[in-house]
Amino acid sequence: MADTGRQSMTDKAASTMKPDSQKSMTEQVGDKMKGMSDSVASTLQPQSEKSTTQKVGDSMSGNSNEGQESLMEKAKHATGMGDSETK
């Protein structure tokens, strides 16, 4: 379960597992907006106030905000499900 105001782990996983090539433009934009919103929320929420589940979720989704690809994005690219851009 995600902390208040945060994207759930289920939402993140579902968004990541569907290849970008199978998403409509609306889905892609929605995913980007949700991801950006969650990243901002991750940055604003002190680590000490995050649940253990949220800390794990942030770690896996790359919400450390260091401009690096998340583990999920790396896996998506490795399986050929990501977009063609490389980071």
PDB file of N, CA and C in Angstrom:
ATOM      1  N   MET A   1       0.840  -1.175   0.000  1.00  0.00           N
ATOM      2  CA  MET A   1       0.000   0.000   0.000  1.00  0.00           C
ATOM      3  C   MET A   1       0.887   1.241   0.000  1.00  0.00           C
ATOM      4  N   ALA A   2       0.533   2.182  -0.829  1.00  0.00           N
ATOM      5  CA  ALA A   2       1.329   3.395  -0.948  1.00  0.00           C
ATOM      6  C   ALA A   2       0.938   4.409   0.126  1.00  0.00           C
ATOM      7  N   ASP A   3       1.883   5.257   0.473  1.00  0.00           N
ATOM      8  CA  ASP A   3       1.592   6.338   1.401  1.00  0.00           C
ATOM      9  C   ASP A   3       0.608   7.305   0.744  1.00  0.00           C
ATOM     10  N   THR A   4      -0.068   8.096   1.547  1.00  0.00           N
ATOM     11  CA  THR A   4      -1.049   9.060   1.055  1.00  0.00           C
ATOM     12  C   THR A   4      -0.412   9.992   0.024  1.00  0.00           C
ATOM     13  N   GLY A   5      -1.108  10.158  -1.098  1.00  0.00           N
ATOM     14  CA  GLY A   5      -0.617  11.055  -2.145  1.00  0.00           C
ATOM     15  C   GLY A   5       0.410  10.431  -3.070  1.00  0.00           C
ATOM     16  N   ARG A   6       0.660   9.146  -2.921  1.00  0.00           N
ATOM     17  CA  ARG A   6       1.680   8.475  -3.721  1.00  0.00           C
ATOM     18  C   ARG A   6       1.037   7.450  -4.645  1.00  0.00           C
ATOM     19  N   GLN A   7       1.710   7.147  -5.747  1.00  0.00           N
ATOM     20  CA  GLN A   7       1.231   6.153  -6.707  1.00  0.00           C
ATOM     21  C   GLN A   7       1.440   4.763  -6.111  1.00  0.00           C
ATOM     22  N   SER A   8       0.429   3.900  -6.242  1.00  0.00           N
ATOM     23  CA  SER A   8       0.535   2.558  -5.662  1.00  0.00           C
ATOM     24  C   SER A   8       1.543   1.711  -6.435  1.00  0.00           C
ATOM     25  N   MET A   9       2.064   0.698  -5.759  1.00  0.00           N
ATOM     26  CA  MET A   9       3.024  -0.213  -6.387  1.00  0.00           C
ATOM     27  C   MET A   9       2.357  -0.958  -7.547  1.00  0.00           C
ATOM     28  N   THR A  10       1.089  -1.292  -7.386  1.00  0.00           N
ATOM     29  CA  THR A  10       0.347  -1.998  -8.434  1.00  0.00           C
ATOM     30  C   THR A  10       0.241  -1.133  -9.683  1.00  0.00           C
ATOM     31  N   ASP A  11      -0.077   0.148  -9.494  1.00  0.00           N
ATOM     32  CA  ASP A  11      -0.153   1.102 -10.613  1.00  0.00           C
ATOM     33  C   ASP A  11       1.186   1.203 -11.332  1.00  0.00           C
ATOM     34  N   LYS A  12       2.251   1.332 -10.545  1.00  0.00           N
ATOM     35  CA  LYS A  12       3.589   1.453 -11.131  1.00  0.00           C
ATOM     36  C   LYS A  12       3.941   0.214 -11.946  1.00  0.00           C
ATOM     37  N   ALA A  13       3.669  -0.957 -11.367  1.00  0.00           N
ATOM     38  CA  ALA A  13       3.999  -2.212 -12.050  1.00  0.00           C
ATOM     39  C   ALA A  13       3.196  -2.363 -13.334  1.00  0.00           C
ATOM     40  N   ALA A  14       1.907  -2.070 -13.273  1.00  0.00           N
ATOM     41  CA  ALA A  14       1.059  -2.198 -14.456  1.00  0.00           C
ATOM     42  C   ALA A  14       1.522  -1.262 -15.563  1.00  0.00           C
ATOM     43  N   SER A  15       1.878  -0.058 -15.192  1.00  0.00           N
ATOM     44  CA  SER A  15       2.345   0.926 -16.162  1.00  0.00           C
ATOM     45  C   SER A  15       3.670   0.500 -16.793  1.00  0.00           C
ATOM     46  N   THR A  16       4.531  -0.077 -15.986  1.00  0.00           N
ATOM     47  CA  THR A  16       5.850  -0.486 -16.459  1.00  0.00           C
ATOM     48  C   THR A  16       5.786  -1.727 -17.345  1.00  0.00           C
ATOM     49  N   MET A  17       4.896  -2.638 -17.029  1.00  0.00           N
ATOM     50  CA  MET A  17       4.856  -3.909 -17.747  1.00  0.00           C
ATOM     51  C   MET A  17       4.232  -3.819 -19.139  1.00  0.00           C
ATOM     52  N   LYS A  18       3.418  -2.819 -19.387  1.00  0.00           N
ATOM     53  CA  LYS A  18       2.807  -2.677 -20.708  1.00  0.00           C
ATOM     54  C   LYS A  18       3.777  -1.926 -21.618  1.00  0.00           C
ATOM     55  N   PRO A  19       4.153  -2.504 -22.739  1.00  0.00           N
ATOM     56  CA  PRO A  19       5.111  -1.839 -23.640  1.00  0.00           C
ATOM     57  C   PRO A  19       4.578  -0.487 -24.134  1.00  0.00           C
ATOM     58  N   ASP A  20       5.464   0.483 -24.224  1.00  0.00           N
ATOM     59  CA  ASP A  20       5.079   1.815 -24.698  1.00  0.00           C
ATOM     60  C   ASP A  20       4.437   1.750 -26.078  1.00  0.00           C
ATOM     61  N   SER A  21       4.875   0.808 -26.905  1.00  0.00           N
ATOM     62  CA  SER A  21       4.340   0.684 -28.259  1.00  0.00           C
ATOM     63  C   SER A  21       2.864   0.273 -28.267  1.00  0.00           C
ATOM     64  N   GLN A  22       2.379  -0.280 -27.156  1.00  0.00           N
ATOM     65  CA  GLN A  22       0.989  -0.692 -27.056  1.00  0.00           C
ATOM     66  C   GLN A  22       0.121   0.323 -26.308  1.00  0.00           C
ATOM     67  N   LYS A  23       0.720   1.418 -25.877  1.00  0.00           N
ATOM     68  CA  LYS A  23      -0.013   2.447 -25.144  1.00  0.00           C
ATOM     69  C   LYS A  23      -0.463   3.547 -26.087  1.00  0.00           C
ATOM     70  N   SER A  24      -1.636   4.084 -25.803  1.00  0.00           N
ATOM     71  CA  SER A  24      -2.107   5.242 -26.564  1.00  0.00           C
ATOM     72  C   SER A  24      -1.307   6.466 -26.100  1.00  0.00           C
ATOM     73  N   MET A  25      -1.381   7.525 -26.871  1.00  0.00           N
ATOM     74  CA  MET A  25      -0.683   8.756 -26.490  1.00  0.00           C
ATOM     75  C   MET A  25      -1.206   9.238 -25.130  1.00  0.00           C
ATOM     76  N   THR A  26      -2.503   9.101 -24.907  1.00  0.00           N
ATOM     77  CA  THR A  26      -3.107   9.516 -23.632  1.00  0.00           C
ATOM     78  C   THR A  26      -2.522   8.717 -22.470  1.00  0.00           C
ATOM     79  N   GLU A  27      -2.362   7.404 -22.658  1.00  0.00           N
ATOM     80  CA  GLU A  27      -1.768   6.557 -21.609  1.00  0.00           C
ATOM     81  C   GLU A  27      -0.325   6.959 -21.337  1.00  0.00           C
ATOM     82  N   GLN A  28       0.439   7.206 -22.399  1.00  0.00           N
ATOM     83  CA  GLN A  28       1.836   7.581 -22.230  1.00  0.00           C
ATOM     84  C   GLN A  28       1.969   8.897 -21.472  1.00  0.00           C
ATOM     85  N   VAL A  29       1.145   9.880 -21.847  1.00  0.00           N
ATOM     86  CA  VAL A  29       1.185  11.179 -21.166  1.00  0.00           C
ATOM     87  C   VAL A  29       0.749  11.011 -19.708  1.00  0.00           C
ATOM     88  N   GLY A  30      -0.308  10.224 -19.487  1.00  0.00           N
ATOM     89  CA  GLY A  30      -0.783   9.970 -18.127  1.00  0.00           C
ATOM     90  C   GLY A  30       0.275   9.311 -17.262  1.00  0.00           C
ATOM     91  N   ASP A  31       0.971   8.323 -17.831  1.00  0.00           N
ATOM     92  CA  ASP A  31       2.043   7.651 -17.097  1.00  0.00           C
ATOM     93  C   ASP A  31       3.158   8.625 -16.729  1.00  0.00           C
ATOM     94  N   LYS A  32       3.538   9.475 -17.681  1.00  0.00           N
ATOM     95  CA  LYS A  32       4.603  10.457 -17.423  1.00  0.00           C
ATOM     96  C   LYS A  32       4.186  11.422 -16.315  1.00  0.00           C
ATOM     97  N   MET A  33       2.932  11.893 -16.382  1.00  0.00           N
ATOM     98  CA  MET A  33       2.440  12.836 -15.377  1.00  0.00           C
ATOM     99  C   MET A  33       2.378  12.191 -13.990  1.00  0.00           C
ATOM    100  N   LYS A  34       1.874  10.956 -13.924  1.00  0.00           N
ATOM    101  CA  LYS A  34       1.804  10.244 -12.644  1.00  0.00           C
ATOM    102  C   LYS A  34       3.207  10.029 -12.085  1.00  0.00           C
ATOM    103  N   GLY A  35       4.123   9.650 -12.963  1.00  0.00           N
ATOM    104  CA  GLY A  35       5.501   9.421 -12.538  1.00  0.00           C
ATOM    105  C   GLY A  35       6.165  10.681 -12.018  1.00  0.00           C
ATOM    106  N   MET A  36       5.935  11.792 -12.726  1.00  0.00           N
ATOM    107  CA  MET A  36       6.516  13.066 -12.290  1.00  0.00           C
ATOM    108  C   MET A  36       5.912  13.494 -10.952  1.00  0.00           C
ATOM    109  N   SER A  37       4.605  13.337 -10.820  1.00  0.00           N
ATOM    110  CA  SER A  37       3.913  13.702  -9.582  1.00  0.00           C
ATOM    111  C   SER A  37       4.420  12.864  -8.413  1.00  0.00           C
ATOM    112  N   ASP A  38       4.593  11.556  -8.653  1.00  0.00           N
ATOM    113  CA  ASP A  38       5.085  10.668  -7.603  1.00  0.00           C
ATOM    114  C   ASP A  38       6.525  10.995  -7.235  1.00  0.00           C
ATOM    115  N   SER A  39       7.310  11.373  -8.229  1.00  0.00           N
ATOM    116  CA  SER A  39       8.700  11.735  -7.973  1.00  0.00           C
ATOM    117  C   SER A  39       8.785  12.991  -7.106  1.00  0.00           C
ATOM    118  N   VAL A  40       7.935  13.964  -7.407  1.00  0.00           N
ATOM    119  CA  VAL A  40       7.896  15.192  -6.598  1.00  0.00           C
ATOM    120  C   VAL A  40       7.467  14.854  -5.171  1.00  0.00           C
ATOM    121  N   ALA A  41       6.423  14.025  -5.049  1.00  0.00           N
ATOM    122  CA  ALA A  41       5.945  13.626  -3.722  1.00  0.00           C
ATOM    123  C   ALA A  41       7.035  12.883  -2.955  1.00  0.00           C
ATOM    124  N   SER A  42       7.808  12.056  -3.659  1.00  0.00           N
ATOM    125  CA  SER A  42       8.904  11.319  -3.031  1.00  0.00           C
ATOM    126  C   SER A  42       9.968  12.269  -2.497  1.00  0.00           C
ATOM    127  N   THR A  43      10.248  13.288  -3.283  1.00  0.00           N
ATOM    128  CA  THR A  43      11.265  14.267  -2.885  1.00  0.00           C
ATOM    129  C   THR A  43      10.803  15.091  -1.689  1.00  0.00           C
ATOM    130  N   LEU A  44       9.530  15.468  -1.685  1.00  0.00           N
ATOM    131  CA  LEU A  44       9.011  16.319  -0.625  1.00  0.00           C
ATOM    132  C   LEU A  44       8.755  15.576   0.684  1.00  0.00           C
ATOM    133  N   GLN A  45       8.505  14.275   0.602  1.00  0.00           N
ATOM    134  CA  GLN A  45       8.214  13.498   1.802  1.00  0.00           C
ATOM    135  C   GLN A  45       9.521  13.072   2.469  1.00  0.00           C
ATOM    136  N   PRO A  46       9.733  13.496   3.717  1.00  0.00           N
ATOM    137  CA  PRO A  46      10.968  13.098   4.417  1.00  0.00           C
ATOM    138  C   PRO A  46      11.074  11.581   4.533  1.00  0.00           C
ATOM    139  N   GLN A  47      12.268  11.072   4.391  1.00  0.00           N
ATOM    140  CA  GLN A  47      12.525   9.631   4.470  1.00  0.00           C
ATOM    141  C   GLN A  47      11.989   9.057   5.783  1.00  0.00           C
ATOM    142  N   SER A  48      12.103   9.825   6.859  1.00  0.00           N
ATOM    143  CA  SER A  48      11.673   9.354   8.179  1.00  0.00           C
ATOM    144  C   SER A  48      10.159   9.171   8.268  1.00  0.00           C
ATOM    145  N   GLU A  49       9.397   9.790   7.355  1.00  0.00           N
ATOM    146  CA  GLU A  49       7.939   9.676   7.380  1.00  0.00           C
ATOM    147  C   GLU A  49       7.410   8.633   6.401  1.00  0.00           C
ATOM    148  N   LYS A  50       8.288   8.004   5.653  1.00  0.00           N
ATOM    149  CA  LYS A  50       7.870   6.997   4.675  1.00  0.00           C
ATOM    150  C   LYS A  50       7.721   5.639   5.343  1.00  0.00           C
ATOM    151  N   SER A  51       6.701   4.905   4.902  1.00  0.00           N
ATOM    152  CA  SER A  51       6.539   3.534   5.382  1.00  0.00           C
ATOM    153  C   SER A  51       7.649   2.679   4.763  1.00  0.00           C
ATOM    154  N   THR A  52       7.883   1.531   5.341  1.00  0.00           N
ATOM    155  CA  THR A  52       8.891   0.620   4.802  1.00  0.00           C
ATOM    156  C   THR A  52       8.542   0.246   3.366  1.00  0.00           C
ATOM    157  N   THR A  53       7.255  -0.007   3.120  1.00  0.00           N
ATOM    158  CA  THR A  53       6.800  -0.358   1.775  1.00  0.00           C
ATOM    159  C   THR A  53       7.118   0.757   0.787  1.00  0.00           C
ATOM    160  N   GLN A  54       6.879   2.007   1.196  1.00  0.00           N
ATOM    161  CA  GLN A  54       7.127   3.138   0.305  1.00  0.00           C
ATOM    162  C   GLN A  54       8.626   3.309   0.043  1.00  0.00           C
ATOM    163  N   LYS A  55       9.443   3.091   1.053  1.00  0.00           N
ATOM    164  CA  LYS A  55      10.899   3.181   0.868  1.00  0.00           C
ATOM    165  C   LYS A  55      11.365   2.157  -0.168  1.00  0.00           C
ATOM    166  N   VAL A  56      10.848   0.927  -0.058  1.00  0.00           N
ATOM    167  CA  VAL A  56      11.202  -0.123  -1.010  1.00  0.00           C
ATOM    168  C   VAL A  56      10.718   0.257  -2.406  1.00  0.00           C
ATOM    169  N   GLY A  57       9.485   0.740  -2.492  1.00  0.00           N
ATOM    170  CA  GLY A  57       8.921   1.151  -3.782  1.00  0.00           C
ATOM    171  C   GLY A  57       9.719   2.276  -4.423  1.00  0.00           C
ATOM    172  N   ASP A  58      10.110   3.258  -3.631  1.00  0.00           N
ATOM    173  CA  ASP A  58      10.911   4.362  -4.152  1.00  0.00           C
ATOM    174  C   ASP A  58      12.260   3.867  -4.660  1.00  0.00           C
ATOM    175  N   SER A  59      12.850   2.957  -3.921  1.00  0.00           N
ATOM    176  CA  SER A  59      14.141   2.402  -4.312  1.00  0.00           C
ATOM    177  C   SER A  59      14.031   1.650  -5.640  1.00  0.00           C
ATOM    178  N   MET A  60      12.987   0.839  -5.774  1.00  0.00           N
ATOM    179  CA  MET A  60      12.815   0.049  -6.991  1.00  0.00           C
ATOM    180  C   MET A  60      12.432   0.899  -8.197  1.00  0.00           C
ATOM    181  N   SER A  61      11.660   1.960  -7.971  1.00  0.00           N
ATOM    182  CA  SER A  61      11.209   2.776  -9.098  1.00  0.00           C
ATOM    183  C   SER A  61      12.188   3.902  -9.423  1.00  0.00           C
ATOM    184  N   GLY A  62      13.249   4.011  -8.666  1.00  0.00           N
ATOM    185  CA  GLY A  62      14.270   5.008  -8.984  1.00  0.00           C
ATOM    186  C   GLY A  62      13.918   6.411  -8.536  1.00  0.00           C
ATOM    187  N   ASN A  63      13.068   6.547  -7.550  1.00  0.00           N
ATOM    188  CA  ASN A  63      12.687   7.872  -7.080  1.00  0.00           C
ATOM    189  C   ASN A  63      13.734   8.483  -6.154  1.00  0.00           C
ATOM    190  N   SER A  64      14.979   8.214  -6.434  1.00  0.00           N
ATOM    191  CA  SER A  64      16.050   8.857  -5.688  1.00  0.00           C
ATOM    192  C   SER A  64      16.384  10.197  -6.330  1.00  0.00           C
ATOM    193  N   ASN A  65      15.779  10.454  -7.484  1.00  0.00           N
ATOM    194  CA  ASN A  65      15.891  11.733  -8.183  1.00  0.00           C
ATOM    195  C   ASN A  65      17.319  12.121  -8.522  1.00  0.00           C
ATOM    196  N   GLU A  66      18.102  11.158  -8.929  1.00  0.00           N
ATOM    197  CA  GLU A  66      19.476  11.421  -9.323  1.00  0.00           C
ATOM    198  C   GLU A  66      19.651  11.383 -10.825  1.00  0.00           C
ATOM    199  N   GLY A  67      18.550  11.379 -11.572  1.00  0.00           N
ATOM    200  CA  GLY A  67      18.617  11.370 -13.027  1.00  0.00           C
ATOM    201  C   GLY A  67      19.041  10.038 -13.614  1.00  0.00           C
ATOM    202  N   GLN A  68      18.977   8.985 -12.819  1.00  0.00           N
ATOM    203  CA  GLN A  68      19.355   7.666 -13.312  1.00  0.00           C
ATOM    204  C   GLN A  68      18.117   6.858 -13.618  1.00  0.00           C
ATOM    205  N   GLU A  69      18.263   5.912 -14.503  1.00  0.00           N
ATOM    206  CA  GLU A  69      17.170   5.024 -14.855  1.00  0.00           C
ATOM    207  C   GLU A  69      16.814   4.132 -13.667  1.00  0.00           C
ATOM    208  N   SER A  70      15.526   3.903 -13.449  1.00  0.00           N
ATOM    209  CA  SER A  70      15.095   3.026 -12.362  1.00  0.00           C
ATOM    210  C   SER A  70      15.367   1.573 -12.734  1.00  0.00           C
ATOM    211  N   LEU A  71      15.317   0.697 -11.727  1.00  0.00           N
ATOM    212  CA  LEU A  71      15.493  -0.729 -11.982  1.00  0.00           C
ATOM    213  C   LEU A  71      14.397  -1.242 -12.910  1.00  0.00           C
ATOM    214  N   MET A  72      13.175  -0.733 -12.732  1.00  0.00           N
ATOM    215  CA  MET A  72      12.068  -1.163 -13.589  1.00  0.00           C
ATOM    216  C   MET A  72      12.293  -0.719 -15.032  1.00  0.00           C
ATOM    217  N   GLU A  73      12.761   0.498 -15.233  1.00  0.00           N
ATOM    218  CA  GLU A  73      13.024   0.986 -16.586  1.00  0.00           C
ATOM    219  C   GLU A  73      14.168   0.200 -17.231  1.00  0.00           C
ATOM    220  N   LYS A  74      15.197  -0.106 -16.450  1.00  0.00           N
ATOM    221  CA  LYS A  74      16.304  -0.905 -16.984  1.00  0.00           C
ATOM    222  C   LYS A  74      15.806  -2.275 -17.432  1.00  0.00           C
ATOM    223  N   ALA A  75      14.951  -2.891 -16.618  1.00  0.00           N
ATOM    224  CA  ALA A  75      14.396  -4.203 -16.967  1.00  0.00           C
ATOM    225  C   ALA A  75      13.521  -4.100 -18.207  1.00  0.00           C
ATOM    226  N   LYS A  76      12.753  -3.031 -18.291  1.00  0.00           N
ATOM    227  CA  LYS A  76      11.867  -2.818 -19.438  1.00  0.00           C
ATOM    228  C   LYS A  76      12.694  -2.688 -20.721  1.00  0.00           C
ATOM    229  N   HIS A  77      13.780  -1.937 -20.661  1.00  0.00           N
ATOM    230  CA  HIS A  77      14.647  -1.770 -21.830  1.00  0.00           C
ATOM    231  C   HIS A  77      15.355  -3.078 -22.181  1.00  0.00           C
ATOM    232  N   ALA A  78      15.764  -3.823 -21.162  1.00  0.00           N
ATOM    233  CA  ALA A  78      16.477  -5.079 -21.399  1.00  0.00           C
ATOM    234  C   ALA A  78      15.588  -6.103 -22.101  1.00  0.00           C
ATOM    235  N   THR A  79      14.290  -6.037 -21.835  1.00  0.00           N
ATOM    236  CA  THR A  79      13.371  -6.981 -22.466  1.00  0.00           C
ATOM    237  C   THR A  79      12.793  -6.442 -23.767  1.00  0.00           C
ATOM    238  N   GLY A  80      13.221  -5.244 -24.168  1.00  0.00           N
ATOM    239  CA  GLY A  80      12.752  -4.663 -25.414  1.00  0.00           C
ATOM    240  C   GLY A  80      11.375  -4.037 -25.328  1.00  0.00           C
ATOM    241  N   MET A  81      10.881  -3.798 -24.119  1.00  0.00           N
ATOM    242  CA  MET A  81       9.541  -3.239 -23.939  1.00  0.00           C
ATOM    243  C   MET A  81       9.554  -1.726 -23.791  1.00  0.00           C
ATOM    244  N   GLY A  82      10.725  -1.119 -23.613  1.00  0.00           N
ATOM    245  CA  GLY A  82      10.802   0.319 -23.428  1.00  0.00           C
ATOM    246  C   GLY A  82      10.882   1.063 -24.724  1.00  0.00           C
ATOM    247  N   ASP A  83      10.866   2.400 -24.628  1.00  0.00           N
ATOM    248  CA  ASP A  83      11.027   3.188 -25.844  1.00  0.00           C
ATOM    249  C   ASP A  83      12.481   3.102 -26.300  1.00  0.00           C
ATOM    250  N   SER A  84      12.767   3.617 -27.461  1.00  0.00           N
ATOM    251  CA  SER A  84      14.088   3.433 -28.057  1.00  0.00           C
ATOM    252  C   SER A  84      15.143   4.381 -27.511  1.00  0.00           C
ATOM    253  N   GLU A  85      14.746   5.328 -26.646  1.00  0.00           N
ATOM    254  CA  GLU A  85      15.711   6.258 -26.077  1.00  0.00           C
ATOM    255  C   GLU A  85      16.595   5.535 -25.068  1.00  0.00           C
ATOM    256  N   THR A  86      17.853   5.920 -25.015  1.00  0.00           N
ATOM    257  CA  THR A  86      18.745   5.361 -24.004  1.00  0.00           C
ATOM    258  C   THR A  86      19.178   6.478 -23.092  1.00  0.00           C
ATOM    259  N   LYS A  87      19.396   6.148 -21.838  1.00  0.00           N
ATOM    260  CA  LYS A  87      19.790   7.152 -20.866  1.00  0.00           C
ATOM    261  C   LYS A  87      21.207   6.910 -20.439  1.00  0.00           C
TER     262      LYS A  87
END
